[in-house]
Amino acid sequence: MSAFVIVEIDIHNMDLYRSYTQLTPDTIAAYDGKFLVRGGETTLLEGDLQPKRMVVLEFPSVDKATAWWHSDVYAGAKKIRQKAATTKMIIVEGV
């Protein structure tokens, strides 16, 4: 069953974040994941969510998504992201 990683990002250091965006795609692909949304424009339909940037990733399973997030392959990029931005990230199991 597919799993989706949904990320809300508030970038504080764009130069550092750019280096993160260069490193991340290969780490996602290594776990059979792919980008579905990568920072496109958002439109509020209900509520008060005002994200600066949204990213949605798709993985074949929750186990693959979790393994990617905890992996050594992603660890370096994750540290860069955590320095460059404030992030909220969840995994949602799909159908």
Protein backbone atom coordinates (compact mmCIF):
# COMPACT_ATOMS: atom_id res chain seq x y z
CA MET A 1 0.00 0.00 0.00
CA SER A 2 1.41 3.40 -0.98
CA ALA A 3 2.57 5.90 1.61
CA PHE A 4 2.73 9.65 1.23
CA VAL A 5 5.17 11.92 3.04
CA ILE A 6 3.56 15.35 3.39
CA VAL A 7 5.86 18.20 4.32
CA GLU A 8 5.24 21.84 5.26
CA ILE A 9 8.43 23.88 5.05
CA ASP A 10 9.34 27.39 6.18
CA ILE A 11 12.76 28.17 4.68
CA HIS A 12 15.07 30.43 6.72
CA ASN A 13 18.25 30.07 4.65
CA MET A 14 17.56 29.72 0.92
CA ASP A 15 21.19 29.16 -0.10
CA LEU A 16 21.56 26.28 2.34
CA TYR A 17 18.15 24.91 1.36
CA ARG A 18 19.16 24.87 -2.32
CA SER A 19 21.99 22.50 -1.46
CA TYR A 20 19.43 20.27 0.28
CA THR A 21 17.23 20.19 -2.83
CA GLN A 22 20.23 19.02 -4.87
CA LEU A 23 20.97 16.11 -2.51
CA THR A 24 17.47 14.86 -1.76
CA PRO A 25 16.14 13.41 -5.08
CA ASP A 26 18.71 10.60 -5.20
CA THR A 27 17.99 9.65 -1.59
CA ILE A 28 14.26 9.42 -2.31
CA ALA A 29 14.83 7.37 -5.46
CA ALA A 30 17.04 4.96 -3.50
CA TYR A 31 13.90 3.98 -1.54
CA ASP A 32 11.65 3.77 -4.63
CA GLY A 33 10.09 7.13 -3.81
CA LYS A 34 9.15 10.03 -6.03
CA PHE A 35 8.04 13.64 -5.80
CA LEU A 36 4.36 14.34 -6.45
CA VAL A 37 4.45 17.97 -5.30
CA ARG A 38 7.56 20.07 -4.94
CA GLY A 39 6.78 23.61 -3.84
CA GLY A 40 3.98 24.59 -6.22
CA GLU A 41 1.55 27.40 -5.51
CA THR A 42 -1.10 26.62 -2.88
CA THR A 43 -4.73 27.75 -2.69
CA LEU A 44 -6.54 27.77 0.65
CA LEU A 45 -9.96 26.11 0.51
CA GLU A 46 -10.83 25.91 4.23
CA GLY A 47 -9.26 26.62 7.61
CA ASP A 48 -6.20 28.71 8.32
CA LEU A 49 -3.30 26.72 6.85
CA GLN A 50 -0.81 29.16 5.33
CA PRO A 51 2.20 27.05 4.27
CA LYS A 52 5.26 28.71 2.80
CA ARG A 53 6.17 25.56 0.83
CA MET A 54 4.57 22.12 0.50
CA VAL A 55 6.18 18.89 -0.67
CA VAL A 56 4.47 15.53 -1.18
CA LEU A 57 6.44 12.33 -1.74
CA GLU A 58 5.11 8.91 -2.66
CA PHE A 59 6.72 5.65 -1.52
CA PRO A 60 5.56 2.08 -2.12
CA SER A 61 4.90 1.56 1.61
CA VAL A 62 5.08 3.15 5.05
CA ASP A 63 8.09 0.90 5.75
CA LYS A 64 9.97 2.30 2.71
CA ALA A 65 9.10 5.90 3.65
CA THR A 66 10.20 5.34 7.24
CA ALA A 67 13.39 3.58 6.15
CA TRP A 68 14.24 6.54 3.86
CA TRP A 69 13.71 9.08 6.66
CA HIS A 70 15.94 7.10 9.07
CA SER A 71 18.54 6.13 6.45
CA ASP A 72 22.22 7.01 6.39
CA VAL A 73 21.69 8.00 2.74
CA TYR A 74 19.31 10.80 3.79
CA ALA A 75 21.02 11.75 7.08
CA GLY A 76 23.36 14.39 5.62
CA ALA A 77 20.63 16.07 3.59
CA LYS A 78 18.27 15.96 6.58
CA LYS A 79 20.81 17.85 8.73
CA ILE A 80 21.07 20.54 6.06
CA ARG A 81 17.26 20.87 5.86
CA GLN A 82 16.97 21.11 9.62
CA LYS A 83 19.49 23.99 9.63
CA ALA A 84 17.91 25.76 6.66
CA ALA A 85 14.20 25.44 7.48
CA THR A 86 11.50 24.67 10.01
CA THR A 87 9.62 21.60 8.87
CA LYS A 88 6.48 19.67 9.75
CA MET A 89 6.44 16.19 8.20
CA ILE A 90 4.02 13.27 8.36
CA ILE A 91 3.56 9.90 6.67
CA VAL A 92 0.04 9.05 5.53
CA GLU A 93 -0.84 5.54 4.41
CA GLY A 94 -2.62 5.56 1.07
CA VAL A 95 -4.91 3.16 -0.74
